[in-house]
Structures are given as structure tokens and as C-alpha cells.
Amino acid sequence: MKYPAIEINLSKIRRNTEIVVNICKNYGIDVVGVTKVSNGSIDLAKAFIEGGVRTLGDSRIENLKAYESLSVKKMLIRIPMISEIEDVVRYADISLNSEIEVIKALSREAEKMGKVHEIILMIDVGDLREGIFYEDEVFETVEEILKLKGVKLTGIGTNLTCFGAIIPSKENLSRLVDIKDK
């Protein structure tokens, strides 16, 4: 064995995933198995899938590409760059987005490939990392997305405790829920 090394107990990952998936299922929540920092480990991805995960998420397109043969959805868990559009549509079923020009480019590429790419529209509720900050801009962007044929607005999301150390609270998450309800 090479040192330093991290040993991953795949049976524990599988079992813990199963427990989390079952708890979340009771609340209508689908779990995304995030493989970030696993360097595209197929074994880890399979443990998540065997535990009941139906979507794998990673921030690196090359890792999603490694999962191409796995029969689950793949999610790019970051905002894609315009230069990556072709690979994003090819290897990710879902991506996080906030820029309408990128979303339009995803739609055009998805149409070329005969696909519909799913979009989670990111909303900034104070972390200042990624997403649309102003509510009126959120609704303008949604209107634009709904006109596009190559993408489907699957949901909204936010990023907390990352860049700006904003802790999730009833207040900032209520803003996200209020936008969803409108």
C-alpha cells in the first residue's frame, strides 16, 4: 500500500447511502451521490448506486465521463463554462446554472444532440458564491428558460456555507421557498 492513503469501506458507504436514501424518500427527497474528490472512482459510484442513489453528482466533467456506462443520471454540480457546453450536454443530464447565455447555449447543443438537458437554476440567498441575487431577475430568467426547447427547468437551488460562510437558516432558506412558491 502507498502512503498516505485513504481507505474507503465500500460496504459501509453502500449501507449508509441506503439509510440516507430511505430516510429522504419518506420526505419526497431524491439523494444525489456526490463523488467529488473521488477522482471518478467507479467503485464508489457503484456503492452509491447499490445504496439506492439514482443520480451521481461531480464538479469535474471528466469524472462524469467515467460514469458514462452507469445507468443513472449524472449531474454537474457547478456552473458550467461556455467553453464546456458540448461536453456538459454529452456527459451530464443535469447542471447547475445562473447565466441565461450559458443556458441558451446548453439548449442549442442539447437540441443538436437530440436531448433535453435539465437545469437547476441557482439563486444566491447571501453566500455571494453563485446564483441570481435579485428576485425579479430570477423570474425573468425562468421566463426565458421556459421558451427554450433543449432544456428543462427541473428545480431551483442555492449554495450555503461555501464562500461567504453563510449558515443555512430559516430566513435565507425561506427566501428560496418563497421564490419556488411564486
N, C-alpha and C. Protein backbone atom coordinates (compact mmCIF):
# COMPACT_ATOMS: atom_id res chain seq x y z
N MET A 1 0.84 -1.18 0.00
CA MET A 1 0.00 0.00 0.00
C MET A 1 0.88 1.24 0.00
N LYS A 2 0.48 2.26 -0.74
CA LYS A 2 1.20 3.53 -0.78
C LYS A 2 0.69 4.42 0.36
N TYR A 3 1.58 5.23 0.89
CA TYR A 3 1.19 6.15 1.96
C TYR A 3 1.46 7.57 1.52
N PRO A 4 0.73 8.57 1.90
CA PRO A 4 -0.53 8.44 2.62
C PRO A 4 -1.63 7.93 1.71
N ALA A 5 -2.62 7.31 2.30
CA ALA A 5 -3.73 6.74 1.54
C ALA A 5 -5.00 6.82 2.36
N ILE A 6 -6.09 6.91 1.65
CA ILE A 6 -7.41 6.86 2.28
C ILE A 6 -8.03 5.54 1.90
N GLU A 7 -8.45 4.80 2.88
CA GLU A 7 -9.15 3.55 2.60
C GLU A 7 -10.64 3.81 2.71
N ILE A 8 -11.37 3.37 1.71
CA ILE A 8 -12.82 3.55 1.68
C ILE A 8 -13.47 2.20 1.86
N ASN A 9 -14.30 2.10 2.88
CA ASN A 9 -15.04 0.87 3.14
C ASN A 9 -16.33 0.94 2.32
N LEU A 10 -16.32 0.32 1.16
CA LEU A 10 -17.45 0.43 0.23
C LEU A 10 -18.73 -0.16 0.79
N SER A 11 -18.63 -1.21 1.60
CA SER A 11 -19.85 -1.79 2.18
C SER A 11 -20.50 -0.80 3.16
N LYS A 12 -19.69 -0.04 3.88
CA LYS A 12 -20.25 0.98 4.79
C LYS A 12 -20.84 2.14 3.99
N ILE A 13 -20.16 2.53 2.93
CA ILE A 13 -20.71 3.58 2.05
C ILE A 13 -22.06 3.14 1.52
N ARG A 14 -22.13 1.91 1.01
CA ARG A 14 -23.37 1.36 0.46
C ARG A 14 -24.48 1.36 1.52
N ARG A 15 -24.17 0.86 2.71
CA ARG A 15 -25.18 0.77 3.78
C ARG A 15 -25.61 2.16 4.24
N ASN A 16 -24.67 3.06 4.45
CA ASN A 16 -25.03 4.42 4.88
C ASN A 16 -25.85 5.13 3.81
N THR A 17 -25.51 4.92 2.56
CA THR A 17 -26.28 5.50 1.46
C THR A 17 -27.70 4.98 1.48
N GLU A 18 -27.85 3.69 1.67
CA GLU A 18 -29.18 3.06 1.74
C GLU A 18 -30.01 3.69 2.86
N ILE A 19 -29.41 3.90 4.01
CA ILE A 19 -30.13 4.50 5.15
C ILE A 19 -30.56 5.93 4.81
N VAL A 20 -29.64 6.73 4.29
CA VAL A 20 -29.95 8.13 3.96
C VAL A 20 -31.02 8.20 2.87
N VAL A 21 -30.89 7.38 1.83
CA VAL A 21 -31.86 7.36 0.73
C VAL A 21 -33.25 7.02 1.26
N ASN A 22 -33.35 6.03 2.13
CA ASN A 22 -34.65 5.62 2.67
C ASN A 22 -35.27 6.68 3.56
N ILE A 23 -34.47 7.34 4.38
CA ILE A 23 -34.99 8.43 5.21
C ILE A 23 -35.50 9.56 4.32
N CYS A 24 -34.71 9.95 3.35
CA CYS A 24 -35.09 11.05 2.46
C CYS A 24 -36.32 10.72 1.62
N LYS A 25 -36.43 9.46 1.21
CA LYS A 25 -37.57 9.03 0.40
C LYS A 25 -38.89 9.31 1.13
N ASN A 26 -38.89 9.15 2.46
CA ASN A 26 -40.09 9.42 3.26
C ASN A 26 -40.54 10.87 3.18
N TYR A 27 -39.64 11.76 2.79
CA TYR A 27 -39.94 13.18 2.69
C TYR A 27 -39.99 13.67 1.25
N GLY A 28 -39.98 12.74 0.30
CA GLY A 28 -40.05 13.11 -1.11
C GLY A 28 -38.76 13.72 -1.63
N ILE A 29 -37.64 13.38 -1.02
CA ILE A 29 -36.35 13.94 -1.41
C ILE A 29 -35.53 12.87 -2.13
N ASP A 30 -34.99 13.22 -3.30
CA ASP A 30 -34.08 12.34 -4.02
C ASP A 30 -32.65 12.73 -3.67
N VAL A 31 -31.85 11.76 -3.33
CA VAL A 31 -30.46 11.99 -2.93
C VAL A 31 -29.55 11.92 -4.16
N VAL A 32 -28.64 12.87 -4.26
CA VAL A 32 -27.59 12.84 -5.28
C VAL A 32 -26.32 12.34 -4.59
N GLY A 33 -25.74 11.29 -5.12
CA GLY A 33 -24.48 10.77 -4.58
C GLY A 33 -23.33 11.59 -5.12
N VAL A 34 -22.75 12.45 -4.30
CA VAL A 34 -21.69 13.34 -4.74
C VAL A 34 -20.34 12.62 -4.64
N THR A 35 -19.71 12.48 -5.79
CA THR A 35 -18.45 11.75 -5.89
C THR A 35 -17.25 12.69 -5.96
N LYS A 36 -17.49 13.97 -5.76
CA LYS A 36 -16.43 14.98 -5.82
C LYS A 36 -15.26 14.54 -4.94
N VAL A 37 -14.08 14.75 -5.40
CA VAL A 37 -12.80 14.39 -4.79
C VAL A 37 -12.52 12.89 -4.75
N SER A 38 -13.31 12.09 -5.46
CA SER A 38 -13.02 10.64 -5.51
C SER A 38 -12.28 10.28 -6.79
N ASN A 39 -11.97 11.29 -7.61
CA ASN A 39 -11.22 11.08 -8.85
C ASN A 39 -11.94 10.12 -9.81
N GLY A 40 -13.26 10.22 -9.85
CA GLY A 40 -14.02 9.39 -10.78
C GLY A 40 -14.05 7.92 -10.41
N SER A 41 -14.00 7.61 -9.14
CA SER A 41 -13.97 6.21 -8.70
C SER A 41 -15.26 5.48 -9.08
N ILE A 42 -15.14 4.52 -9.98
CA ILE A 42 -16.29 3.71 -10.39
C ILE A 42 -16.79 2.89 -9.21
N ASP A 43 -15.89 2.37 -8.39
CA ASP A 43 -16.30 1.56 -7.23
C ASP A 43 -17.14 2.37 -6.26
N LEU A 44 -16.74 3.62 -5.99
CA LEU A 44 -17.53 4.47 -5.10
C LEU A 44 -18.88 4.78 -5.73
N ALA A 45 -18.88 5.11 -7.01
CA ALA A 45 -20.12 5.40 -7.72
C ALA A 45 -21.07 4.21 -7.65
N LYS A 46 -20.54 3.01 -7.87
CA LYS A 46 -21.38 1.81 -7.81
C LYS A 46 -21.92 1.57 -6.40
N ALA A 47 -21.13 1.87 -5.37
CA ALA A 47 -21.61 1.72 -3.99
C ALA A 47 -22.79 2.65 -3.73
N PHE A 48 -22.70 3.89 -4.23
CA PHE A 48 -23.82 4.82 -4.11
C PHE A 48 -25.06 4.27 -4.82
N ILE A 49 -24.86 3.78 -6.03
CA ILE A 49 -25.99 3.26 -6.82
C ILE A 49 -26.60 2.05 -6.13
N GLU A 50 -25.77 1.14 -5.65
CA GLU A 50 -26.28 -0.04 -4.93
C GLU A 50 -27.01 0.36 -3.65
N GLY A 51 -26.67 1.52 -3.08
CA GLY A 51 -27.35 2.05 -1.91
C GLY A 51 -28.66 2.75 -2.24
N GLY A 52 -28.96 2.90 -3.54
CA GLY A 52 -30.25 3.47 -3.94
C GLY A 52 -30.21 4.83 -4.60
N VAL A 53 -29.03 5.39 -4.77
CA VAL A 53 -28.91 6.70 -5.42
C VAL A 53 -29.23 6.55 -6.91
N ARG A 54 -30.01 7.50 -7.44
CA ARG A 54 -30.37 7.47 -8.86
C ARG A 54 -29.68 8.57 -9.67
N THR A 55 -28.91 9.42 -8.97
CA THR A 55 -28.16 10.48 -9.64
C THR A 55 -26.79 10.60 -8.98
N LEU A 56 -25.75 10.68 -9.81
CA LEU A 56 -24.40 10.93 -9.32
C LEU A 56 -24.03 12.37 -9.65
N GLY A 57 -23.41 13.06 -8.71
CA GLY A 57 -23.00 14.44 -8.93
C GLY A 57 -21.51 14.61 -8.77
N ASP A 58 -20.93 15.39 -9.66
CA ASP A 58 -19.50 15.68 -9.57
C ASP A 58 -19.24 17.05 -10.19
N SER A 59 -18.16 17.68 -9.76
CA SER A 59 -17.82 19.01 -10.29
C SER A 59 -16.89 18.92 -11.50
N ARG A 60 -16.42 17.73 -11.82
CA ARG A 60 -15.50 17.55 -12.95
C ARG A 60 -16.16 16.73 -14.06
N ILE A 61 -16.17 17.31 -15.24
CA ILE A 61 -16.78 16.63 -16.38
C ILE A 61 -16.08 15.32 -16.67
N GLU A 62 -14.75 15.28 -16.52
CA GLU A 62 -14.02 14.04 -16.80
C GLU A 62 -14.45 12.91 -15.87
N ASN A 63 -14.87 13.24 -14.65
CA ASN A 63 -15.38 12.19 -13.75
C ASN A 63 -16.75 11.72 -14.20
N LEU A 64 -17.60 12.65 -14.63
CA LEU A 64 -18.91 12.25 -15.16
C LEU A 64 -18.74 11.38 -16.40
N LYS A 65 -17.76 11.70 -17.21
CA LYS A 65 -17.46 10.90 -18.40
C LYS A 65 -17.11 9.47 -17.99
N ALA A 66 -16.38 9.31 -16.89
CA ALA A 66 -16.01 7.98 -16.41
C ALA A 66 -17.23 7.16 -16.01
N TYR A 67 -18.32 7.85 -15.67
CA TYR A 67 -19.55 7.17 -15.24
C TYR A 67 -20.53 6.95 -16.39
N GLU A 68 -20.11 7.24 -17.60
CA GLU A 68 -21.00 7.19 -18.77
C GLU A 68 -21.75 5.87 -18.89
N SER A 69 -21.12 4.76 -18.57
CA SER A 69 -21.76 3.44 -18.73
C SER A 69 -22.72 3.11 -17.59
N LEU A 70 -22.72 3.90 -16.53
CA LEU A 70 -23.61 3.63 -15.39
C LEU A 70 -25.00 4.15 -15.69
N SER A 71 -26.01 3.35 -15.39
CA SER A 71 -27.38 3.69 -15.80
C SER A 71 -28.11 4.53 -14.76
N VAL A 72 -27.50 5.66 -14.40
CA VAL A 72 -28.12 6.65 -13.53
C VAL A 72 -27.91 8.02 -14.17
N LYS A 73 -28.65 9.01 -13.67
CA LYS A 73 -28.43 10.38 -14.15
C LYS A 73 -27.11 10.90 -13.60
N LYS A 74 -26.52 11.81 -14.36
CA LYS A 74 -25.28 12.46 -13.93
C LYS A 74 -25.52 13.97 -13.85
N MET A 75 -25.04 14.57 -12.75
CA MET A 75 -25.24 15.99 -12.52
C MET A 75 -23.89 16.70 -12.37
N LEU A 76 -23.73 17.78 -13.13
CA LEU A 76 -22.58 18.65 -12.95
C LEU A 76 -22.93 19.61 -11.82
N ILE A 77 -22.22 19.51 -10.70
CA ILE A 77 -22.60 20.26 -9.50
C ILE A 77 -21.83 21.58 -9.39
N ARG A 78 -21.71 22.24 -10.50
CA ARG A 78 -21.14 23.59 -10.56
C ARG A 78 -21.69 24.26 -11.80
N ILE A 79 -21.47 25.56 -11.89
CA ILE A 79 -21.89 26.33 -13.05
C ILE A 79 -20.95 25.99 -14.21
N PRO A 80 -21.48 25.57 -15.36
CA PRO A 80 -20.60 25.25 -16.49
C PRO A 80 -20.06 26.50 -17.17
N MET A 81 -18.88 26.36 -17.75
CA MET A 81 -18.30 27.44 -18.55
C MET A 81 -18.83 27.30 -19.98
N ILE A 82 -18.95 28.40 -20.67
CA ILE A 82 -19.47 28.39 -22.04
C ILE A 82 -18.60 27.50 -22.94
N SER A 83 -17.31 27.42 -22.67
CA SER A 83 -16.41 26.61 -23.48
C SER A 83 -16.62 25.10 -23.28
N GLU A 84 -17.39 24.72 -22.27
CA GLU A 84 -17.60 23.30 -21.95
C GLU A 84 -18.96 22.77 -22.41
N ILE A 85 -19.74 23.59 -23.06
CA ILE A 85 -21.14 23.26 -23.33
C ILE A 85 -21.32 21.89 -23.98
N GLU A 86 -20.55 21.59 -25.00
CA GLU A 86 -20.71 20.31 -25.70
C GLU A 86 -20.50 19.13 -24.75
N ASP A 87 -19.45 19.17 -23.96
CA ASP A 87 -19.18 18.08 -23.02
C ASP A 87 -20.21 18.03 -21.90
N VAL A 88 -20.68 19.18 -21.45
CA VAL A 88 -21.70 19.20 -20.40
C VAL A 88 -22.95 18.46 -20.87
N VAL A 89 -23.41 18.79 -22.06
CA VAL A 89 -24.62 18.13 -22.59
C VAL A 89 -24.35 16.65 -22.86
N ARG A 90 -23.18 16.32 -23.33
CA ARG A 90 -22.85 14.93 -23.65
C ARG A 90 -22.77 14.06 -22.39
N TYR A 91 -22.16 14.56 -21.31
CA TYR A 91 -21.87 13.71 -20.15
C TYR A 91 -22.70 13.99 -18.91
N ALA A 92 -23.43 15.10 -18.89
CA ALA A 92 -24.27 15.43 -17.73
C ALA A 92 -25.72 15.55 -18.17
N ASP A 93 -26.60 14.95 -17.42
CA ASP A 93 -28.03 15.08 -17.69
C ASP A 93 -28.59 16.35 -17.07
N ILE A 94 -27.94 16.81 -16.01
CA ILE A 94 -28.40 17.94 -15.22
C ILE A 94 -27.20 18.83 -14.91
N SER A 95 -27.42 20.14 -14.86
CA SER A 95 -26.35 21.04 -14.40
C SER A 95 -26.95 22.21 -13.63
N LEU A 96 -26.12 22.80 -12.79
CA LEU A 96 -26.49 23.99 -12.02
C LEU A 96 -26.18 25.20 -12.88
N ASN A 97 -27.10 26.16 -12.95
CA ASN A 97 -26.92 27.30 -13.85
C ASN A 97 -27.51 28.58 -13.27
N SER A 98 -26.93 29.71 -13.71
CA SER A 98 -27.49 31.00 -13.34
C SER A 98 -27.39 32.02 -14.47
N GLU A 99 -26.60 31.75 -15.49
CA GLU A 99 -26.40 32.69 -16.60
C GLU A 99 -27.27 32.29 -17.79
N ILE A 100 -28.15 33.18 -18.22
CA ILE A 100 -29.08 32.84 -19.30
C ILE A 100 -28.34 32.54 -20.61
N GLU A 101 -27.22 33.19 -20.87
CA GLU A 101 -26.49 32.91 -22.12
C GLU A 101 -25.93 31.49 -22.12
N VAL A 102 -25.47 31.03 -20.99
CA VAL A 102 -24.98 29.65 -20.87
C VAL A 102 -26.15 28.68 -21.04
N ILE A 103 -27.28 29.00 -20.43
CA ILE A 103 -28.46 28.14 -20.53
C ILE A 103 -28.94 28.06 -21.98
N LYS A 104 -28.92 29.18 -22.69
CA LYS A 104 -29.30 29.17 -24.11
C LYS A 104 -28.34 28.31 -24.93
N ALA A 105 -27.05 28.40 -24.63
CA ALA A 105 -26.06 27.58 -25.33
C ALA A 105 -26.27 26.10 -25.03
N LEU A 106 -26.60 25.77 -23.78
CA LEU A 106 -26.91 24.38 -23.42
C LEU A 106 -28.12 23.89 -24.21
N SER A 107 -29.13 24.74 -24.34
CA SER A 107 -30.33 24.38 -25.09
C SER A 107 -30.02 24.10 -26.55
N ARG A 108 -29.24 24.98 -27.17
CA ARG A 108 -28.88 24.78 -28.58
C ARG A 108 -28.11 23.47 -28.77
N GLU A 109 -27.15 23.21 -27.89
CA GLU A 109 -26.34 22.00 -28.01
C GLU A 109 -27.19 20.75 -27.75
N ALA A 110 -28.07 20.82 -26.77
CA ALA A 110 -28.94 19.68 -26.48
C ALA A 110 -29.85 19.38 -27.67
N GLU A 111 -30.38 20.42 -28.30
CA GLU A 111 -31.21 20.20 -29.49
C GLU A 111 -30.40 19.53 -30.59
N LYS A 112 -29.15 19.97 -30.79
CA LYS A 112 -28.28 19.34 -31.80
C LYS A 112 -28.09 17.86 -31.52
N MET A 113 -27.99 17.52 -30.23
CA MET A 113 -27.75 16.13 -29.84
C MET A 113 -29.04 15.33 -29.66
N GLY A 114 -30.18 15.98 -29.88
CA GLY A 114 -31.45 15.29 -29.71
C GLY A 114 -31.78 14.98 -28.26
N LYS A 115 -31.35 15.84 -27.36
CA LYS A 115 -31.55 15.64 -25.93
C LYS A 115 -32.31 16.82 -25.33
N VAL A 116 -32.74 16.64 -24.09
CA VAL A 116 -33.22 17.74 -23.27
C VAL A 116 -32.35 17.73 -22.01
N HIS A 117 -31.65 18.82 -21.79
CA HIS A 117 -30.74 18.94 -20.65
C HIS A 117 -31.49 19.60 -19.50
N GLU A 118 -31.40 19.02 -18.32
CA GLU A 118 -32.11 19.55 -17.15
C GLU A 118 -31.28 20.64 -16.47
N ILE A 119 -31.98 21.67 -16.02
CA ILE A 119 -31.37 22.84 -15.40
C ILE A 119 -31.88 22.98 -13.97
N ILE A 120 -30.95 23.19 -13.04
CA ILE A 120 -31.31 23.66 -11.70
C ILE A 120 -30.83 25.10 -11.65
N LEU A 121 -31.77 26.02 -11.51
CA LEU A 121 -31.45 27.44 -11.51
C LEU A 121 -30.97 27.83 -10.11
N MET A 122 -29.75 28.35 -10.05
CA MET A 122 -29.14 28.70 -8.77
C MET A 122 -29.52 30.12 -8.36
N ILE A 123 -29.89 30.24 -7.08
CA ILE A 123 -30.31 31.51 -6.51
C ILE A 123 -29.41 31.82 -5.33
N ASP A 124 -28.86 33.01 -5.32
CA ASP A 124 -27.97 33.43 -4.23
C ASP A 124 -28.82 34.01 -3.11
N VAL A 125 -28.77 33.39 -1.93
CA VAL A 125 -29.52 33.91 -0.78
C VAL A 125 -28.57 34.52 0.26
N GLY A 126 -27.36 34.91 -0.19
CA GLY A 126 -26.47 35.63 0.71
C GLY A 126 -25.04 35.16 0.74
N ASP A 127 -24.73 34.01 0.17
CA ASP A 127 -23.36 33.48 0.24
C ASP A 127 -22.43 34.17 -0.76
N LEU A 128 -23.00 34.83 -1.74
CA LEU A 128 -22.24 35.57 -2.76
C LEU A 128 -21.28 34.68 -3.53
N ARG A 129 -21.67 33.43 -3.73
CA ARG A 129 -20.82 32.49 -4.47
C ARG A 129 -21.32 32.31 -5.89
N GLU A 130 -22.57 31.91 -6.02
CA GLU A 130 -23.11 31.68 -7.35
C GLU A 130 -24.62 31.80 -7.29
N GLY A 131 -25.19 32.20 -8.39
CA GLY A 131 -26.64 32.28 -8.46
C GLY A 131 -27.13 33.69 -8.70
N ILE A 132 -28.41 33.76 -8.97
CA ILE A 132 -29.07 35.04 -9.23
C ILE A 132 -29.48 35.64 -7.89
N PHE A 133 -29.14 36.88 -7.68
CA PHE A 133 -29.40 37.51 -6.38
C PHE A 133 -30.77 38.18 -6.32
N TYR A 134 -31.16 38.87 -7.39
CA TYR A 134 -32.40 39.65 -7.36
C TYR A 134 -33.59 38.82 -7.83
N GLU A 135 -34.66 38.88 -7.05
CA GLU A 135 -35.84 38.06 -7.31
C GLU A 135 -36.44 38.33 -8.68
N ASP A 136 -36.54 39.60 -9.09
CA ASP A 136 -37.12 39.90 -10.39
C ASP A 136 -36.29 39.28 -11.52
N GLU A 137 -34.98 39.24 -11.35
CA GLU A 137 -34.11 38.61 -12.34
C GLU A 137 -34.33 37.10 -12.39
N VAL A 138 -34.64 36.50 -11.24
CA VAL A 138 -34.95 35.06 -11.21
C VAL A 138 -36.14 34.78 -12.12
N PHE A 139 -37.21 35.57 -11.96
CA PHE A 139 -38.42 35.32 -12.74
C PHE A 139 -38.23 35.63 -14.23
N GLU A 140 -37.44 36.65 -14.54
CA GLU A 140 -37.12 36.94 -15.95
C GLU A 140 -36.35 35.78 -16.56
N THR A 141 -35.42 35.23 -15.81
CA THR A 141 -34.62 34.10 -16.31
C THR A 141 -35.50 32.87 -16.50
N VAL A 142 -36.39 32.61 -15.56
CA VAL A 142 -37.31 31.47 -15.69
C VAL A 142 -38.16 31.62 -16.94
N GLU A 143 -38.67 32.82 -17.21
CA GLU A 143 -39.47 33.04 -18.42
C GLU A 143 -38.67 32.71 -19.67
N GLU A 144 -37.41 33.11 -19.70
CA GLU A 144 -36.54 32.81 -20.85
C GLU A 144 -36.30 31.31 -20.98
N ILE A 145 -36.03 30.65 -19.86
CA ILE A 145 -35.77 29.20 -19.88
C ILE A 145 -36.97 28.44 -20.43
N LEU A 146 -38.16 28.83 -20.01
CA LEU A 146 -39.37 28.12 -20.43
C LEU A 146 -39.63 28.23 -21.93
N LYS A 147 -39.00 29.18 -22.61
CA LYS A 147 -39.14 29.32 -24.06
C LYS A 147 -38.19 28.39 -24.83
N LEU A 148 -37.21 27.85 -24.15
CA LEU A 148 -36.17 27.04 -24.80
C LEU A 148 -36.60 25.58 -24.91
N LYS A 149 -36.27 24.96 -26.04
CA LYS A 149 -36.69 23.57 -26.29
C LYS A 149 -35.68 22.53 -25.83
N GLY A 150 -34.42 22.91 -25.72
CA GLY A 150 -33.38 21.93 -25.40
C GLY A 150 -33.07 21.78 -23.93
N VAL A 151 -33.75 22.58 -23.08
CA VAL A 151 -33.54 22.47 -21.64
C VAL A 151 -34.87 22.39 -20.92
N LYS A 152 -34.81 21.81 -19.73
CA LYS A 152 -35.99 21.70 -18.87
C LYS A 152 -35.60 22.23 -17.50
N LEU A 153 -36.39 23.17 -16.98
CA LEU A 153 -36.15 23.68 -15.64
C LEU A 153 -36.65 22.64 -14.65
N THR A 154 -35.72 21.98 -13.98
CA THR A 154 -36.03 20.89 -13.06
C THR A 154 -36.23 21.38 -11.64
N GLY A 155 -35.58 22.48 -11.29
CA GLY A 155 -35.69 22.98 -9.92
C GLY A 155 -34.86 24.21 -9.70
N ILE A 156 -34.86 24.66 -8.45
CA ILE A 156 -34.02 25.78 -8.04
C ILE A 156 -33.12 25.30 -6.91
N GLY A 157 -31.99 25.97 -6.75
CA GLY A 157 -31.05 25.58 -5.71
C GLY A 157 -30.29 26.78 -5.19
N THR A 158 -29.55 26.55 -4.13
CA THR A 158 -28.69 27.59 -3.57
C THR A 158 -27.43 26.95 -3.02
N ASN A 159 -26.45 27.77 -2.71
CA ASN A 159 -25.19 27.29 -2.18
C ASN A 159 -24.92 28.05 -0.89
N LEU A 160 -24.83 27.33 0.22
CA LEU A 160 -24.59 27.97 1.51
C LEU A 160 -23.36 27.37 2.18
N THR A 161 -22.80 28.11 3.09
CA THR A 161 -21.60 27.75 3.87
C THR A 161 -20.42 27.37 2.99
N CYS A 162 -20.28 28.05 1.88
CA CYS A 162 -19.16 27.75 0.99
C CYS A 162 -18.19 28.92 0.97
N PHE A 163 -18.49 29.93 0.22
CA PHE A 163 -17.57 31.06 0.04
C PHE A 163 -17.75 32.11 1.14
N GLY A 164 -18.99 32.53 1.36
CA GLY A 164 -19.26 33.61 2.29
C GLY A 164 -19.58 33.16 3.69
N ALA A 165 -19.50 31.87 3.96
CA ALA A 165 -19.75 31.29 5.29
C ALA A 165 -21.15 31.62 5.81
N ILE A 166 -22.11 31.75 4.89
CA ILE A 166 -23.49 31.99 5.30
C ILE A 166 -24.08 30.66 5.75
N ILE A 167 -24.51 30.61 7.01
CA ILE A 167 -25.07 29.39 7.59
C ILE A 167 -26.53 29.27 7.15
N PRO A 168 -26.97 28.07 6.75
CA PRO A 168 -28.39 27.90 6.41
C PRO A 168 -29.26 28.29 7.61
N SER A 169 -30.29 29.06 7.34
CA SER A 169 -31.21 29.49 8.40
C SER A 169 -32.63 29.47 7.85
N LYS A 170 -33.57 29.59 8.75
CA LYS A 170 -34.97 29.64 8.33
C LYS A 170 -35.19 30.84 7.41
N GLU A 171 -34.52 31.94 7.70
CA GLU A 171 -34.71 33.17 6.92
C GLU A 171 -34.19 33.02 5.49
N ASN A 172 -32.93 32.57 5.34
CA ASN A 172 -32.40 32.52 3.97
C ASN A 172 -32.99 31.37 3.17
N LEU A 173 -33.31 30.27 3.81
CA LEU A 173 -33.96 29.18 3.07
C LEU A 173 -35.42 29.51 2.78
N SER A 174 -36.05 30.32 3.63
CA SER A 174 -37.42 30.77 3.36
C SER A 174 -37.47 31.59 2.08
N ARG A 175 -36.43 32.36 1.82
CA ARG A 175 -36.36 33.14 0.58
C ARG A 175 -36.42 32.22 -0.63
N LEU A 176 -35.69 31.11 -0.56
CA LEU A 176 -35.69 30.14 -1.65
C LEU A 176 -37.08 29.51 -1.81
N VAL A 177 -37.70 29.14 -0.70
CA VAL A 177 -39.04 28.53 -0.73
C VAL A 177 -40.06 29.53 -1.25
N ASP A 178 -39.96 30.79 -0.83
CA ASP A 178 -40.89 31.82 -1.32
C ASP A 178 -40.79 31.98 -2.83
N ILE A 179 -39.59 31.96 -3.36
CA ILE A 179 -39.40 32.06 -4.82
C ILE A 179 -40.03 30.85 -5.50
N LYS A 180 -39.81 29.66 -4.95
CA LYS A 180 -40.39 28.45 -5.53
C LYS A 180 -41.92 28.54 -5.55
N ASP A 181 -42.50 29.03 -4.46
CA ASP A 181 -43.96 29.09 -4.35
C ASP A 181 -44.59 30.10 -5.31
N LYS A 182 -43.81 31.10 -5.74
CA LYS A 182 -44.33 32.10 -6.67
C LYS A 182 -44.34 31.54 -8.07
